[in-house]
Amino acid sequence: MKRWLLTAVGLTLVVPARGAEPIPADQVAKLHALIKPAADEDRWASIPWLTDLWEARKKAAAEGKPILLWEMDGHPLGCT
C-alpha cells in the first residue's frame, strides 16, 4: 500500500518539459555557420575506407601496411 501511495505522490510531482523556443529567422544563417564543420575538420571522410575486413586484410598485406579497425557496438544511431 505504501509503495502505491509513494508512486502516486511521485507522479503528481512530475512537471512536463517545455519545448524549445524557435530559432529567429535572422539567427539561422549565423547558427548554421557556427555548427557546420570546416573543410579541414572532416578530412577523415576523404579516405577510401574499406568495409570488408577480408579485403582490407589482403590489401594491407599486399602493401605492407597496418589496418585501422573502427568498430562500434550497438545501433549506429545510438538507439539501443
PDB file of N, CA and C in Angstrom:
ATOM      1  N   MET A   1       0.818  -1.190   0.000  1.00  0.00           N
ATOM      2  CA  MET A   1       0.000   0.000   0.000  1.00  0.00           C
ATOM      3  C   MET A   1       0.865   1.257   0.000  1.00  0.00           C
ATOM      4  N   LYS A   2       1.936   1.237   0.772  1.00  0.00           N
ATOM      5  CA  LYS A   2       2.801   2.419   0.850  1.00  0.00           C
ATOM      6  C   LYS A   2       3.493   2.679  -0.485  1.00  0.00           C
ATOM      7  N   ARG A   3       3.872   1.595  -1.191  1.00  0.00           N
ATOM      8  CA  ARG A   3       4.536   1.754  -2.479  1.00  0.00           C
ATOM      9  C   ARG A   3       3.600   2.445  -3.470  1.00  0.00           C
ATOM     10  N   TRP A   4       2.327   2.056  -3.485  1.00  0.00           N
ATOM     11  CA  TRP A   4       1.348   2.657  -4.379  1.00  0.00           C
ATOM     12  C   TRP A   4       1.176   4.133  -4.064  1.00  0.00           C
ATOM     13  N   LEU A   5       1.114   4.463  -2.797  1.00  0.00           N
ATOM     14  CA  LEU A   5       0.949   5.853  -2.381  1.00  0.00           C
ATOM     15  C   LEU A   5       2.174   6.673  -2.771  1.00  0.00           C
ATOM     16  N   LEU A   6       3.352   6.118  -2.567  1.00  0.00           N
ATOM     17  CA  LEU A   6       4.588   6.816  -2.937  1.00  0.00           C
ATOM     18  C   LEU A   6       4.654   7.037  -4.443  1.00  0.00           C
ATOM     19  N   THR A   7       4.242   6.057  -5.229  1.00  0.00           N
ATOM     20  CA  THR A   7       4.213   6.197  -6.681  1.00  0.00           C
ATOM     21  C   THR A   7       3.222   7.277  -7.093  1.00  0.00           C
ATOM     22  N   ALA A   8       2.058   7.294  -6.484  1.00  0.00           N
ATOM     23  CA  ALA A   8       1.046   8.294  -6.808  1.00  0.00           C
ATOM     24  C   ALA A   8       1.539   9.696  -6.470  1.00  0.00           C
ATOM     25  N   VAL A   9       2.201   9.846  -5.348  1.00  0.00           N
ATOM     26  CA  VAL A   9       2.737  11.155  -4.961  1.00  0.00           C
ATOM     27  C   VAL A   9       3.841  11.561  -5.923  1.00  0.00           C
ATOM     28  N   GLY A  10       4.706  10.608  -6.299  1.00  0.00           N
ATOM     29  CA  GLY A  10       5.799  10.903  -7.225  1.00  0.00           C
ATOM     30  C   GLY A  10       5.287  11.339  -8.579  1.00  0.00           C
ATOM     31  N   LEU A  11       4.216  10.727  -9.060  1.00  0.00           N
ATOM     32  CA  LEU A  11       3.673  11.089 -10.365  1.00  0.00           C
ATOM     33  C   LEU A  11       3.051  12.476 -10.364  1.00  0.00           C
ATOM     34  N   THR A  12       2.557  12.898  -9.241  1.00  0.00           N
ATOM     35  CA  THR A  12       1.953  14.242  -9.188  1.00  0.00           C
ATOM     36  C   THR A  12       3.025  15.324  -9.196  1.00  0.00           C
ATOM     37  N   LEU A  13       4.259  14.977  -8.876  1.00  0.00           N
ATOM     38  CA  LEU A  13       5.332  15.962  -8.838  1.00  0.00           C
ATOM     39  C   LEU A  13       6.042  16.126 -10.179  1.00  0.00           C
ATOM     40  N   VAL A  14       5.700  15.300 -11.165  1.00  0.00           N
ATOM     41  CA  VAL A  14       6.338  15.366 -12.476  1.00  0.00           C
ATOM     42  C   VAL A  14       5.831  16.598 -13.222  1.00  0.00           C
ATOM     43  N   VAL A  15       6.764  17.400 -13.696  1.00  0.00           N
ATOM     44  CA  VAL A  15       6.416  18.606 -14.446  1.00  0.00           C
ATOM     45  C   VAL A  15       6.733  18.358 -15.912  1.00  0.00           C
ATOM     46  N   PRO A  16       5.778  18.557 -16.816  1.00  0.00           N
ATOM     47  CA  PRO A  16       6.064  18.323 -18.229  1.00  0.00           C
ATOM     48  C   PRO A  16       7.136  19.288 -18.748  1.00  0.00           C
ATOM     49  N   ALA A  17       7.981  18.779 -19.640  1.00  0.00           N
ATOM     50  CA  ALA A  17       9.055  19.595 -20.208  1.00  0.00           C
ATOM     51  C   ALA A  17       8.494  20.566 -21.240  1.00  0.00           C
ATOM     52  N   ARG A  18       9.059  21.749 -21.289  1.00  0.00           N
ATOM     53  CA  ARG A  18       8.667  22.734 -22.293  1.00  0.00           C
ATOM     54  C   ARG A  18       9.435  22.460 -23.578  1.00  0.00           C
ATOM     55  N   GLY A  19       8.836  22.759 -24.689  1.00  0.00           N
ATOM     56  CA  GLY A  19       9.511  22.630 -25.969  1.00  0.00           C
ATOM     57  C   GLY A  19      10.540  23.739 -26.137  1.00  0.00           C
ATOM     58  N   ALA A  20      11.469  23.540 -27.032  1.00  0.00           N
ATOM     59  CA  ALA A  20      12.498  24.540 -27.300  1.00  0.00           C
ATOM     60  C   ALA A  20      11.878  25.744 -27.998  1.00  0.00           C
ATOM     61  N   GLU A  21      12.439  26.886 -27.715  1.00  0.00           N
ATOM     62  CA  GLU A  21      11.983  28.108 -28.381  1.00  0.00           C
ATOM     63  C   GLU A  21      12.424  28.056 -29.840  1.00  0.00           C
ATOM     64  N   PRO A  22      11.596  28.513 -30.765  1.00  0.00           N
ATOM     65  CA  PRO A  22      12.018  28.526 -32.177  1.00  0.00           C
ATOM     66  C   PRO A  22      13.185  29.485 -32.399  1.00  0.00           C
ATOM     67  N   ILE A  23      14.023  29.157 -33.366  1.00  0.00           N
ATOM     68  CA  ILE A  23      15.176  29.998 -33.687  1.00  0.00           C
ATOM     69  C   ILE A  23      14.696  31.148 -34.570  1.00  0.00           C
ATOM     70  N   PRO A  24      15.013  32.375 -34.201  1.00  0.00           N
ATOM     71  CA  PRO A  24      14.613  33.513 -35.034  1.00  0.00           C
ATOM     72  C   PRO A  24      15.234  33.415 -36.429  1.00  0.00           C
ATOM     73  N   ALA A  25      14.495  33.818 -37.441  1.00  0.00           N
ATOM     74  CA  ALA A  25      14.944  33.697 -38.833  1.00  0.00           C
ATOM     75  C   ALA A  25      16.272  34.403 -39.078  1.00  0.00           C
ATOM     76  N   ASP A  26      16.506  35.534 -38.425  1.00  0.00           N
ATOM     77  CA  ASP A  26      17.760  36.271 -38.655  1.00  0.00           C
ATOM     78  C   ASP A  26      18.964  35.596 -37.993  1.00  0.00           C
ATOM     79  N   GLN A  27      18.742  34.582 -37.148  1.00  0.00           N
ATOM     80  CA  GLN A  27      19.834  33.884 -36.475  1.00  0.00           C
ATOM     81  C   GLN A  27      20.203  32.555 -37.147  1.00  0.00           C
ATOM     82  N   VAL A  28      19.383  32.076 -38.082  1.00  0.00           N
ATOM     83  CA  VAL A  28      19.591  30.752 -38.677  1.00  0.00           C
ATOM     84  C   VAL A  28      20.920  30.674 -39.423  1.00  0.00           C
ATOM     85  N   ALA A  29      21.231  31.648 -40.256  1.00  0.00           N
ATOM     86  CA  ALA A  29      22.485  31.614 -41.033  1.00  0.00           C
ATOM     87  C   ALA A  29      23.701  31.650 -40.105  1.00  0.00           C
ATOM     88  N   LYS A  30      23.643  32.452 -39.065  1.00  0.00           N
ATOM     89  CA  LYS A  30      24.759  32.548 -38.114  1.00  0.00           C
ATOM     90  C   LYS A  30      24.943  31.214 -37.384  1.00  0.00           C
ATOM     91  N   LEU A  31      23.843  30.604 -36.960  1.00  0.00           N
ATOM     92  CA  LEU A  31      23.913  29.320 -36.279  1.00  0.00           C
ATOM     93  C   LEU A  31      24.422  28.228 -37.214  1.00  0.00           C
ATOM     94  N   HIS A  32      23.982  28.236 -38.446  1.00  0.00           N
ATOM     95  CA  HIS A  32      24.424  27.237 -39.425  1.00  0.00           C
ATOM     96  C   HIS A  32      25.928  27.343 -39.646  1.00  0.00           C
ATOM     97  N   ALA A  33      26.445  28.553 -39.788  1.00  0.00           N
ATOM     98  CA  ALA A  33      27.885  28.743 -39.978  1.00  0.00           C
ATOM     99  C   ALA A  33      28.671  28.284 -38.751  1.00  0.00           C
ATOM    100  N   LEU A  34      28.080  28.421 -37.585  1.00  0.00           N
ATOM    101  CA  LEU A  34      28.749  28.039 -36.347  1.00  0.00           C
ATOM    102  C   LEU A  34      28.862  26.519 -36.196  1.00  0.00           C
ATOM    103  N   ILE A  35      27.824  25.779 -36.595  1.00  0.00           N
ATOM    104  CA  ILE A  35      27.824  24.332 -36.363  1.00  0.00           C
ATOM    105  C   ILE A  35      28.302  23.508 -37.558  1.00  0.00           C
ATOM    106  N   LYS A  36      28.381  24.099 -38.738  1.00  0.00           N
ATOM    107  CA  LYS A  36      28.828  23.353 -39.916  1.00  0.00           C
ATOM    108  C   LYS A  36      30.330  23.085 -39.809  1.00  0.00           C
ATOM    109  N   PRO A  37      30.753  21.820 -40.012  1.00  0.00           N
ATOM    110  CA  PRO A  37      32.187  21.521 -39.924  1.00  0.00           C
ATOM    111  C   PRO A  37      32.978  22.279 -40.997  1.00  0.00           C
ATOM    112  N   ALA A  38      34.148  22.750 -40.624  1.00  0.00           N
ATOM    113  CA  ALA A  38      35.033  23.420 -41.577  1.00  0.00           C
ATOM    114  C   ALA A  38      35.637  22.364 -42.507  1.00  0.00           C
ATOM    115  N   ALA A  39      36.159  22.796 -43.628  1.00  0.00           N
ATOM    116  CA  ALA A  39      36.703  21.867 -44.630  1.00  0.00           C
ATOM    117  C   ALA A  39      37.804  20.976 -44.055  1.00  0.00           C
ATOM    118  N   ASP A  40      38.610  21.502 -43.140  1.00  0.00           N
ATOM    119  CA  ASP A  40      39.709  20.707 -42.588  1.00  0.00           C
ATOM    120  C   ASP A  40      39.287  19.854 -41.387  1.00  0.00           C
ATOM    121  N   GLU A  41      38.017  19.910 -40.980  1.00  0.00           N
ATOM    122  CA  GLU A  41      37.559  19.129 -39.837  1.00  0.00           C
ATOM    123  C   GLU A  41      37.068  17.730 -40.215  1.00  0.00           C
ATOM    124  N   ASP A  42      36.792  17.497 -41.468  1.00  0.00           N
ATOM    125  CA  ASP A  42      36.291  16.177 -41.857  1.00  0.00           C
ATOM    126  C   ASP A  42      37.162  15.518 -42.922  1.00  0.00           C
ATOM    127  N   ARG A  43      38.468  15.687 -42.795  1.00  0.00           N
ATOM    128  CA  ARG A  43      39.382  15.085 -43.763  1.00  0.00           C
ATOM    129  C   ARG A  43      39.344  13.569 -43.714  1.00  0.00           C
ATOM    130  N   TRP A  44      38.940  12.987 -42.579  1.00  0.00           N
ATOM    131  CA  TRP A  44      38.836  11.539 -42.477  1.00  0.00           C
ATOM    132  C   TRP A  44      37.832  10.988 -43.484  1.00  0.00           C
ATOM    133  N   ALA A  45      36.857  11.804 -43.883  1.00  0.00           N
ATOM    134  CA  ALA A  45      35.832  11.341 -44.822  1.00  0.00           C
ATOM    135  C   ALA A  45      36.386  11.183 -46.236  1.00  0.00           C
ATOM    136  N   SER A  46      37.546  11.760 -46.525  1.00  0.00           N
ATOM    137  CA  SER A  46      38.128  11.646 -47.863  1.00  0.00           C
ATOM    138  C   SER A  46      38.956  10.366 -48.027  1.00  0.00           C
ATOM    139  N   ILE A  47      39.154   9.617 -46.943  1.00  0.00           N
ATOM    140  CA  ILE A  47      39.907   8.366 -47.002  1.00  0.00           C
ATOM    141  C   ILE A  47      39.022   7.291 -47.637  1.00  0.00           C
ATOM    142  N   PRO A  48      39.540   6.512 -48.573  1.00  0.00           N
ATOM    143  CA  PRO A  48      38.721   5.445 -49.172  1.00  0.00           C
ATOM    144  C   PRO A  48      38.625   4.241 -48.229  1.00  0.00           C
ATOM    145  N   TRP A  49      37.785   4.344 -47.214  1.00  0.00           N
ATOM    146  CA  TRP A  49      37.628   3.292 -46.217  1.00  0.00           C
ATOM    147  C   TRP A  49      37.090   2.018 -46.863  1.00  0.00           C
ATOM    148  N   LEU A  50      37.556   0.879 -46.379  1.00  0.00           N
ATOM    149  CA  LEU A  50      37.050  -0.413 -46.824  1.00  0.00           C
ATOM    150  C   LEU A  50      36.096  -0.956 -45.764  1.00  0.00           C
ATOM    151  N   THR A  51      34.991  -1.514 -46.198  1.00  0.00           N
ATOM    152  CA  THR A  51      34.017  -2.052 -45.253  1.00  0.00           C
ATOM    153  C   THR A  51      34.083  -3.571 -45.158  1.00  0.00           C
ATOM    154  N   ASP A  52      34.883  -4.193 -45.979  1.00  0.00           N
ATOM    155  CA  ASP A  52      35.047  -5.646 -45.960  1.00  0.00           C
ATOM    156  C   ASP A  52      36.393  -5.960 -45.311  1.00  0.00           C
ATOM    157  N   LEU A  53      36.355  -6.571 -44.123  1.00  0.00           N
ATOM    158  CA  LEU A  53      37.583  -6.832 -43.376  1.00  0.00           C
ATOM    159  C   LEU A  53      38.545  -7.733 -44.148  1.00  0.00           C
ATOM    160  N   TRP A  54      38.030  -8.744 -44.819  1.00  0.00           N
ATOM    161  CA  TRP A  54      38.919  -9.645 -45.560  1.00  0.00           C
ATOM    162  C   TRP A  54      39.622  -8.913 -46.693  1.00  0.00           C
ATOM    163  N   GLU A  55      38.892  -8.068 -47.427  1.00  0.00           N
ATOM    164  CA  GLU A  55      39.515  -7.273 -48.490  1.00  0.00           C
ATOM    165  C   GLU A  55      40.555  -6.320 -47.907  1.00  0.00           C
ATOM    166  N   ALA A  56      40.256  -5.736 -46.762  1.00  0.00           N
ATOM    167  CA  ALA A  56      41.216  -4.828 -46.108  1.00  0.00           C
ATOM    168  C   ALA A  56      42.477  -5.585 -45.701  1.00  0.00           C
ATOM    169  N   ARG A  57      42.322  -6.814 -45.197  1.00  0.00           N
ATOM    170  CA  ARG A  57      43.484  -7.619 -44.806  1.00  0.00           C
ATOM    171  C   ARG A  57      44.358  -7.937 -46.011  1.00  0.00           C
ATOM    172  N   LYS A  58      43.737  -8.305 -47.117  1.00  0.00           N
ATOM    173  CA  LYS A  58      44.506  -8.626 -48.317  1.00  0.00           C
ATOM    174  C   LYS A  58      45.246  -7.386 -48.831  1.00  0.00           C
ATOM    175  N   LYS A  59      44.567  -6.252 -48.867  1.00  0.00           N
ATOM    176  CA  LYS A  59      45.193  -5.028 -49.362  1.00  0.00           C
ATOM    177  C   LYS A  59      46.326  -4.588 -48.431  1.00  0.00           C
ATOM    178  N   ALA A  60      46.112  -4.654 -47.130  1.00  0.00           N
ATOM    179  CA  ALA A  60      47.146  -4.263 -46.164  1.00  0.00           C
ATOM    180  C   ALA A  60      48.368  -5.173 -46.285  1.00  0.00           C
ATOM    181  N   ALA A  61      48.135  -6.470 -46.462  1.00  0.00           N
ATOM    182  CA  ALA A  61      49.255  -7.404 -46.602  1.00  0.00           C
ATOM    183  C   ALA A  61      50.028  -7.135 -47.879  1.00  0.00           C
ATOM    184  N   ALA A  62      49.323  -6.841 -48.964  1.00  0.00           N
ATOM    185  CA  ALA A  62      49.986  -6.586 -50.238  1.00  0.00           C
ATOM    186  C   ALA A  62      50.819  -5.303 -50.194  1.00  0.00           C
ATOM    187  N   GLU A  63      50.342  -4.300 -49.437  1.00  0.00           N
ATOM    188  CA  GLU A  63      51.038  -3.014 -49.368  1.00  0.00           C
ATOM    189  C   GLU A  63      51.950  -2.894 -48.155  1.00  0.00           C
ATOM    190  N   GLY A  64      51.956  -3.911 -47.290  1.00  0.00           N
ATOM    191  CA  GLY A  64      52.795  -3.864 -46.088  1.00  0.00           C
ATOM    192  C   GLY A  64      52.355  -2.788 -45.116  1.00  0.00           C
ATOM    193  N   LYS A  65      51.057  -2.574 -45.009  1.00  0.00           N
ATOM    194  CA  LYS A  65      50.523  -1.526 -44.138  1.00  0.00           C
ATOM    195  C   LYS A  65      49.653  -2.135 -43.040  1.00  0.00           C
ATOM    196  N   PRO A  66      49.504  -1.422 -41.918  1.00  0.00           N
ATOM    197  CA  PRO A  66      48.626  -1.908 -40.848  1.00  0.00           C
ATOM    198  C   PRO A  66      47.163  -1.604 -41.176  1.00  0.00           C
ATOM    199  N   ILE A  67      46.286  -2.167 -40.371  1.00  0.00           N
ATOM    200  CA  ILE A  67      44.843  -1.939 -40.521  1.00  0.00           C
ATOM    201  C   ILE A  67      44.349  -1.127 -39.334  1.00  0.00           C
ATOM    202  N   LEU A  68      43.528  -0.126 -39.599  1.00  0.00           N
ATOM    203  CA  LEU A  68      42.815   0.577 -38.537  1.00  0.00           C
ATOM    204  C   LEU A  68      41.395   0.028 -38.543  1.00  0.00           C
ATOM    205  N   LEU A  69      41.019  -0.639 -37.470  1.00  0.00           N
ATOM    206  CA  LEU A  69      39.687  -1.204 -37.369  1.00  0.00           C
ATOM    207  C   LEU A  69      38.841  -0.256 -36.531  1.00  0.00           C
ATOM    208  N   TRP A  70      37.876   0.377 -37.161  1.00  0.00           N
ATOM    209  CA  TRP A  70      36.977   1.312 -36.487  1.00  0.00           C
ATOM    210  C   TRP A  70      35.680   0.560 -36.260  1.00  0.00           C
ATOM    211  N   GLU A  71      35.450   0.169 -35.026  1.00  0.00           N
ATOM    212  CA  GLU A  71      34.324  -0.696 -34.688  1.00  0.00           C
ATOM    213  C   GLU A  71      33.519  -0.053 -33.581  1.00  0.00           C
ATOM    214  N   MET A  72      32.220  -0.259 -33.632  1.00  0.00           N
ATOM    215  CA  MET A  72      31.367   0.229 -32.547  1.00  0.00           C
ATOM    216  C   MET A  72      30.296  -0.807 -32.261  1.00  0.00           C
ATOM    217  N   ASP A  73      29.814  -0.790 -31.047  1.00  0.00           N
ATOM    218  CA  ASP A  73      28.766  -1.717 -30.640  1.00  0.00           C
ATOM    219  C   ASP A  73      27.438  -0.975 -30.561  1.00  0.00           C
ATOM    220  N   GLY A  74      26.371  -1.686 -30.768  1.00  0.00           N
ATOM    221  CA  GLY A  74      25.057  -1.099 -30.654  1.00  0.00           C
ATOM    222  C   GLY A  74      24.554  -0.564 -31.977  1.00  0.00           C
ATOM    223  N   HIS A  75      23.452   0.085 -31.909  1.00  0.00           N
ATOM    224  CA  HIS A  75      22.795   0.641 -33.082  1.00  0.00           C
ATOM    225  C   HIS A  75      23.586   1.866 -33.569  1.00  0.00           C
ATOM    226  N   PRO A  76      23.781   2.051 -34.880  1.00  0.00           N
ATOM    227  CA  PRO A  76      24.569   3.183 -35.372  1.00  0.00           C
ATOM    228  C   PRO A  76      24.001   4.548 -35.003  1.00  0.00           C
ATOM    229  N   LEU A  77      22.721   4.616 -34.714  1.00  0.00           N
ATOM    230  CA  LEU A  77      22.125   5.900 -34.311  1.00  0.00           C
ATOM    231  C   LEU A  77      22.066   6.044 -32.789  1.00  0.00           C
ATOM    232  N   GLY A  78      22.616   5.084 -32.076  1.00  0.00           N
ATOM    233  CA  GLY A  78      22.624   5.166 -30.617  1.00  0.00           C
ATOM    234  C   GLY A  78      21.308   4.755 -29.987  1.00  0.00           C
ATOM    235  N   CYS A  79      20.410   4.177 -30.757  1.00  0.00           N
ATOM    236  CA  CYS A  79      19.100   3.765 -30.249  1.00  0.00           C
ATOM    237  C   CYS A  79      19.158   2.299 -29.874  1.00  0.00           C
ATOM    238  N   THR A  80      19.564   1.990 -28.662  1.00  0.00           N
ATOM    239  CA  THR A  80      19.640   0.592 -28.244  1.00  0.00           C
ATOM    240  C   THR A  80      18.500   0.230 -27.346  1.00  0.00           C
TER     241      THR A  80
END
